[in-house]
Amino acid sequence: MEKITSFTIDHIKLQPGIYVSRKDTSAGTTVTTFDIRMTSPNEEPVMNTAEVHTLEHLGATFLRNHPHFKEKILYFGPMGCRTGFYLLLFGDYKSEEIVPLMSEMFAWMSEFDDEVPGASAKDCGNYLDMNLPMARFTARRFLTEVLTGISPDRLIYPE
């Protein structure tokens, strides 16, 4: 079997950033998949499931309620390796075009101080596995250390 594209990225060189992972077209519609890489793979600890789960709930809620992007959101969810998230948007985008959206989202998540949306037994299959303080810390870290003044090398996969 051939390696899928995401397994051909050099994870030794990969640093936190926002990368276009792939673009797919079906019935004339382009879907852009973004790699929102929050930790340095194989260099630093991965995120724990509780903060990943919390960020997933917060991020999905923010994006699906965003006044300009809510109709373009196809999916927002965690990578299995727990080093980041995938964001799928209807449309043909470049990484730099969503930096403002990601900055807005991570700023919102870093300051969120209420009940986590969907964190109930009725709404979620694992609602007890949440950690809002750590999710806020992780969001703030990504916002300040990566998104604020993001460099061009954090917008294109390393070769």
C-alpha atoms as a PDB file:
ATOM      1  CA  MET A   1       0.000   0.000   0.000  1.00  0.00           C
ATOM      2  CA  GLU A   2       1.097   3.557  -0.656  1.00  0.00           C
ATOM      3  CA  LYS A   3       1.746   5.882   2.255  1.00  0.00           C
ATOM      4  CA  ILE A   4      -0.969   8.443   2.742  1.00  0.00           C
ATOM      5  CA  THR A   5       0.162  12.052   2.303  1.00  0.00           C
ATOM      6  CA  SER A   6       0.179  12.932   5.998  1.00  0.00           C
ATOM      7  CA  PHE A   7       2.711  10.142   6.652  1.00  0.00           C
ATOM      8  CA  THR A   8       5.110  11.631   4.101  1.00  0.00           C
ATOM      9  CA  ILE A   9       5.610  14.855   6.102  1.00  0.00           C
ATOM     10  CA  ASP A  10       8.933  14.880   7.945  1.00  0.00           C
ATOM     11  CA  HIS A  11       7.742  14.968  11.549  1.00  0.00           C
ATOM     12  CA  ILE A  12      11.320  15.406  12.776  1.00  0.00           C
ATOM     13  CA  LYS A  13      11.491  18.835  11.098  1.00  0.00           C
ATOM     14  CA  LEU A  14       7.846  19.770  11.703  1.00  0.00           C
ATOM     15  CA  GLN A  15       7.258  22.611  14.174  1.00  0.00           C
ATOM     16  CA  PRO A  16       4.049  24.133  15.551  1.00  0.00           C
ATOM     17  CA  GLY A  17       2.213  26.167  12.919  1.00  0.00           C
ATOM     18  CA  ILE A  18      -0.644  26.171  10.435  1.00  0.00           C
ATOM     19  CA  TYR A  19      -0.143  24.076   7.321  1.00  0.00           C
ATOM     20  CA  VAL A  20      -2.253  23.150   4.314  1.00  0.00           C
ATOM     21  CA  SER A  21      -2.337  19.383   4.589  1.00  0.00           C
ATOM     22  CA  ARG A  22      -4.296  18.729   1.399  1.00  0.00           C
ATOM     23  CA  LYS A  23      -6.872  20.071  -1.010  1.00  0.00           C
ATOM     24  CA  ASP A  24      -9.626  17.893  -2.421  1.00  0.00           C
ATOM     25  CA  THR A  25     -12.219  18.687  -5.042  1.00  0.00           C
ATOM     26  CA  SER A  26     -15.543  16.966  -5.518  1.00  0.00           C
ATOM     27  CA  ALA A  27     -18.441  18.129  -7.680  1.00  0.00           C
ATOM     28  CA  GLY A  28     -16.623  21.399  -8.312  1.00  0.00           C
ATOM     29  CA  THR A  29     -16.155  22.204  -4.616  1.00  0.00           C
ATOM     30  CA  THR A  30     -12.700  22.465  -3.058  1.00  0.00           C
ATOM     31  CA  VAL A  31     -12.133  21.406   0.535  1.00  0.00           C
ATOM     32  CA  THR A  32      -8.922  22.600   2.202  1.00  0.00           C
ATOM     33  CA  THR A  33      -7.593  20.516   5.086  1.00  0.00           C
ATOM     34  CA  PHE A  34      -5.406  22.394   7.564  1.00  0.00           C
ATOM     35  CA  ASP A  35      -2.919  20.883   9.984  1.00  0.00           C
ATOM     36  CA  ILE A  36      -3.125  23.055  13.118  1.00  0.00           C
ATOM     37  CA  ARG A  37       0.079  21.749  14.706  1.00  0.00           C
ATOM     38  CA  MET A  38       0.244  22.841  18.346  1.00  0.00           C
ATOM     39  CA  THR A  39       3.218  20.891  19.672  1.00  0.00           C
ATOM     40  CA  SER A  40       6.529  19.854  18.174  1.00  0.00           C
ATOM     41  CA  PRO A  41       6.127  16.179  17.229  1.00  0.00           C
ATOM     42  CA  ASN A  42       8.447  13.743  18.970  1.00  0.00           C
ATOM     43  CA  GLU A  43      10.208  16.633  20.791  1.00  0.00           C
ATOM     44  CA  GLU A  44       7.794  17.784  23.458  1.00  0.00           C
ATOM     45  CA  PRO A  45       4.965  16.095  25.332  1.00  0.00           C
ATOM     46  CA  VAL A  46       1.693  15.621  23.490  1.00  0.00           C
ATOM     47  CA  MET A  47      -1.468  17.195  24.826  1.00  0.00           C
ATOM     48  CA  ASN A  48      -3.447  15.131  27.308  1.00  0.00           C
ATOM     49  CA  THR A  49      -6.821  13.855  26.171  1.00  0.00           C
ATOM     50  CA  ALA A  50      -8.746  16.052  28.627  1.00  0.00           C
ATOM     51  CA  GLU A  51      -7.413  19.342  27.217  1.00  0.00           C
ATOM     52  CA  VAL A  52      -7.645  18.055  23.643  1.00  0.00           C
ATOM     53  CA  HIS A  53     -11.267  17.110  24.251  1.00  0.00           C
ATOM     54  CA  THR A  54     -12.011  20.511  25.803  1.00  0.00           C
ATOM     55  CA  LEU A  55     -10.297  22.380  22.942  1.00  0.00           C
ATOM     56  CA  GLU A  56     -12.296  20.274  20.472  1.00  0.00           C
ATOM     57  CA  HIS A  57     -15.590  21.304  22.089  1.00  0.00           C
ATOM     58  CA  LEU A  58     -14.569  24.957  22.344  1.00  0.00           C
ATOM     59  CA  GLY A  59     -13.057  25.168  18.867  1.00  0.00           C
ATOM     60  CA  ALA A  60     -15.986  23.466  17.144  1.00  0.00           C
ATOM     61  CA  THR A  61     -18.447  25.721  18.985  1.00  0.00           C
ATOM     62  CA  PHE A  62     -16.496  28.864  18.108  1.00  0.00           C
ATOM     63  CA  LEU A  63     -16.068  27.948  14.446  1.00  0.00           C
ATOM     64  CA  ARG A  64     -19.648  26.816  13.851  1.00  0.00           C
ATOM     65  CA  ASN A  65     -20.878  30.113  15.323  1.00  0.00           C
ATOM     66  CA  HIS A  66     -18.382  32.394  13.558  1.00  0.00           C
ATOM     67  CA  PRO A  67     -20.231  35.092  11.573  1.00  0.00           C
ATOM     68  CA  HIS A  68     -18.035  34.788   8.458  1.00  0.00           C
ATOM     69  CA  PHE A  69     -16.873  31.154   8.520  1.00  0.00           C
ATOM     70  CA  LYS A  70     -19.715  29.098  10.021  1.00  0.00           C
ATOM     71  CA  GLU A  71     -21.024  28.074   6.591  1.00  0.00           C
ATOM     72  CA  LYS A  72     -17.513  27.058   5.470  1.00  0.00           C
ATOM     73  CA  ILE A  73     -16.694  24.759   8.396  1.00  0.00           C
ATOM     74  CA  LEU A  74     -16.737  21.093   7.465  1.00  0.00           C
ATOM     75  CA  TYR A  75     -14.825  19.639  10.425  1.00  0.00           C
ATOM     76  CA  PHE A  76     -12.621  20.586  13.390  1.00  0.00           C
ATOM     77  CA  GLY A  77     -11.137  17.755  15.432  1.00  0.00           C
ATOM     78  CA  PRO A  78      -8.014  16.343  17.057  1.00  0.00           C
ATOM     79  CA  MET A  79      -5.187  14.393  15.477  1.00  0.00           C
ATOM     80  CA  GLY A  80      -4.798  10.923  16.887  1.00  0.00           C
ATOM     81  CA  CYS A  81      -1.203  11.704  17.881  1.00  0.00           C
ATOM     82  CA  ARG A  82      -2.494  14.561  20.099  1.00  0.00           C
ATOM     83  CA  THR A  83      -0.076  17.142  18.638  1.00  0.00           C
ATOM     84  CA  GLY A  84      -2.787  19.281  17.054  1.00  0.00           C
ATOM     85  CA  PHE A  85      -6.055  19.492  15.168  1.00  0.00           C
ATOM     86  CA  TYR A  86      -7.411  19.219  11.660  1.00  0.00           C
ATOM     87  CA  LEU A  87      -9.640  21.943  10.266  1.00  0.00           C
ATOM     88  CA  LEU A  88     -11.514  21.299   7.025  1.00  0.00           C
ATOM     89  CA  LEU A  89     -13.006  24.282   5.206  1.00  0.00           C
ATOM     90  CA  PHE A  90     -15.114  24.471   2.106  1.00  0.00           C
ATOM     91  CA  GLY A  91     -13.032  26.620  -0.260  1.00  0.00           C
ATOM     92  CA  ASP A  92      -9.525  26.947  -1.662  1.00  0.00           C
ATOM     93  CA  TYR A  93      -7.352  28.543   1.031  1.00  0.00           C
ATOM     94  CA  LYS A  94      -3.716  29.208   1.890  1.00  0.00           C
ATOM     95  CA  SER A  95      -2.423  28.914   5.460  1.00  0.00           C
ATOM     96  CA  GLU A  96      -1.885  32.655   5.879  1.00  0.00           C
ATOM     97  CA  GLU A  97      -5.528  33.297   4.999  1.00  0.00           C
ATOM     98  CA  ILE A  98      -6.788  31.611   8.165  1.00  0.00           C
ATOM     99  CA  VAL A  99      -4.227  32.997  10.636  1.00  0.00           C
ATOM    100  CA  PRO A 100      -6.663  35.765  11.691  1.00  0.00           C
ATOM    101  CA  LEU A 101      -9.435  33.196  12.238  1.00  0.00           C
ATOM    102  CA  MET A 102      -7.133  30.910  14.238  1.00  0.00           C
ATOM    103  CA  SER A 103      -5.817  33.851  16.277  1.00  0.00           C
ATOM    104  CA  GLU A 104      -9.374  34.889  17.086  1.00  0.00           C
ATOM    105  CA  MET A 105     -10.349  31.326  18.007  1.00  0.00           C
ATOM    106  CA  PHE A 106      -7.317  30.635  20.201  1.00  0.00           C
ATOM    107  CA  ALA A 107      -7.689  34.014  21.946  1.00  0.00           C
ATOM    108  CA  TRP A 108     -11.336  33.173  22.668  1.00  0.00           C
ATOM    109  CA  MET A 109     -10.452  29.695  23.943  1.00  0.00           C
ATOM    110  CA  SER A 110      -7.611  31.044  26.112  1.00  0.00           C
ATOM    111  CA  GLU A 111     -10.066  33.342  27.911  1.00  0.00           C
ATOM    112  CA  PHE A 112     -13.114  31.062  28.007  1.00  0.00           C
ATOM    113  CA  ASP A 113     -14.435  30.862  31.575  1.00  0.00           C
ATOM    114  CA  ASP A 114     -17.833  29.219  31.538  1.00  0.00           C
ATOM    115  CA  GLU A 115     -19.305  25.734  31.252  1.00  0.00           C
ATOM    116  CA  VAL A 116     -17.720  23.899  28.338  1.00  0.00           C
ATOM    117  CA  PRO A 117     -20.322  23.624  25.571  1.00  0.00           C
ATOM    118  CA  GLY A 118     -21.610  20.086  25.198  1.00  0.00           C
ATOM    119  CA  ALA A 119     -19.952  18.861  28.403  1.00  0.00           C
ATOM    120  CA  SER A 120     -22.889  16.858  29.723  1.00  0.00           C
ATOM    121  CA  ALA A 121     -23.843  13.195  29.676  1.00  0.00           C
ATOM    122  CA  LYS A 122     -26.729  14.015  27.323  1.00  0.00           C
ATOM    123  CA  ASP A 123     -24.488  15.849  24.811  1.00  0.00           C
ATOM    124  CA  CYS A 124     -21.173  13.962  24.883  1.00  0.00           C
ATOM    125  CA  GLY A 125     -20.019  10.366  25.136  1.00  0.00           C
ATOM    126  CA  ASN A 126     -17.101  11.183  27.440  1.00  0.00           C
ATOM    127  CA  TYR A 127     -18.141  14.445  29.091  1.00  0.00           C
ATOM    128  CA  LEU A 128     -16.107  13.868  32.276  1.00  0.00           C
ATOM    129  CA  ASP A 129     -12.804  13.889  30.357  1.00  0.00           C
ATOM    130  CA  MET A 130     -12.423  17.688  30.248  1.00  0.00           C
ATOM    131  CA  ASN A 131      -9.801  20.074  31.607  1.00  0.00           C
ATOM    132  CA  LEU A 132     -10.683  23.713  30.969  1.00  0.00           C
ATOM    133  CA  PRO A 133      -7.737  25.286  32.862  1.00  0.00           C
ATOM    134  CA  MET A 134      -5.215  23.223  30.884  1.00  0.00           C
ATOM    135  CA  ALA A 135      -7.092  23.844  27.625  1.00  0.00           C
ATOM    136  CA  ARG A 136      -6.926  27.602  28.291  1.00  0.00           C
ATOM    137  CA  PHE A 137      -3.205  27.358  29.060  1.00  0.00           C
ATOM    138  CA  THR A 138      -2.560  25.350  25.877  1.00  0.00           C
ATOM    139  CA  ALA A 139      -4.589  27.772  23.740  1.00  0.00           C
ATOM    140  CA  ARG A 140      -2.763  30.781  25.219  1.00  0.00           C
ATOM    141  CA  ARG A 141       0.613  29.151  24.620  1.00  0.00           C
ATOM    142  CA  PHE A 142      -0.187  28.438  20.953  1.00  0.00           C
ATOM    143  CA  LEU A 143      -1.554  31.953  20.490  1.00  0.00           C
ATOM    144  CA  THR A 144       1.440  33.731  22.010  1.00  0.00           C
ATOM    145  CA  GLU A 145       4.282  31.440  20.932  1.00  0.00           C
ATOM    146  CA  VAL A 146       3.108  30.517  17.429  1.00  0.00           C
ATOM    147  CA  LEU A 147       0.235  32.572  16.028  1.00  0.00           C
ATOM    148  CA  THR A 148       1.299  36.036  17.162  1.00  0.00           C
ATOM    149  CA  GLY A 149       3.766  37.174  14.529  1.00  0.00           C
ATOM    150  CA  ILE A 150       3.801  33.743  12.873  1.00  0.00           C
ATOM    151  CA  SER A 151       6.800  33.309  10.589  1.00  0.00           C
ATOM    152  CA  PRO A 152       6.462  32.104   6.974  1.00  0.00           C
ATOM    153  CA  ASP A 153       8.271  28.838   7.767  1.00  0.00           C
ATOM    154  CA  ARG A 154       5.400  27.935  10.118  1.00  0.00           C
ATOM    155  CA  LEU A 155       2.896  28.182   7.244  1.00  0.00           C
ATOM    156  CA  ILE A 156       4.453  25.725   4.764  1.00  0.00           C
ATOM    157  CA  TYR A 157       5.477  22.140   5.543  1.00  0.00           C
ATOM    158  CA  PRO A 158       9.246  21.629   5.875  1.00  0.00           C
ATOM    159  CA  GLU A 159      10.979  19.748   3.069  1.00  0.00           C
END
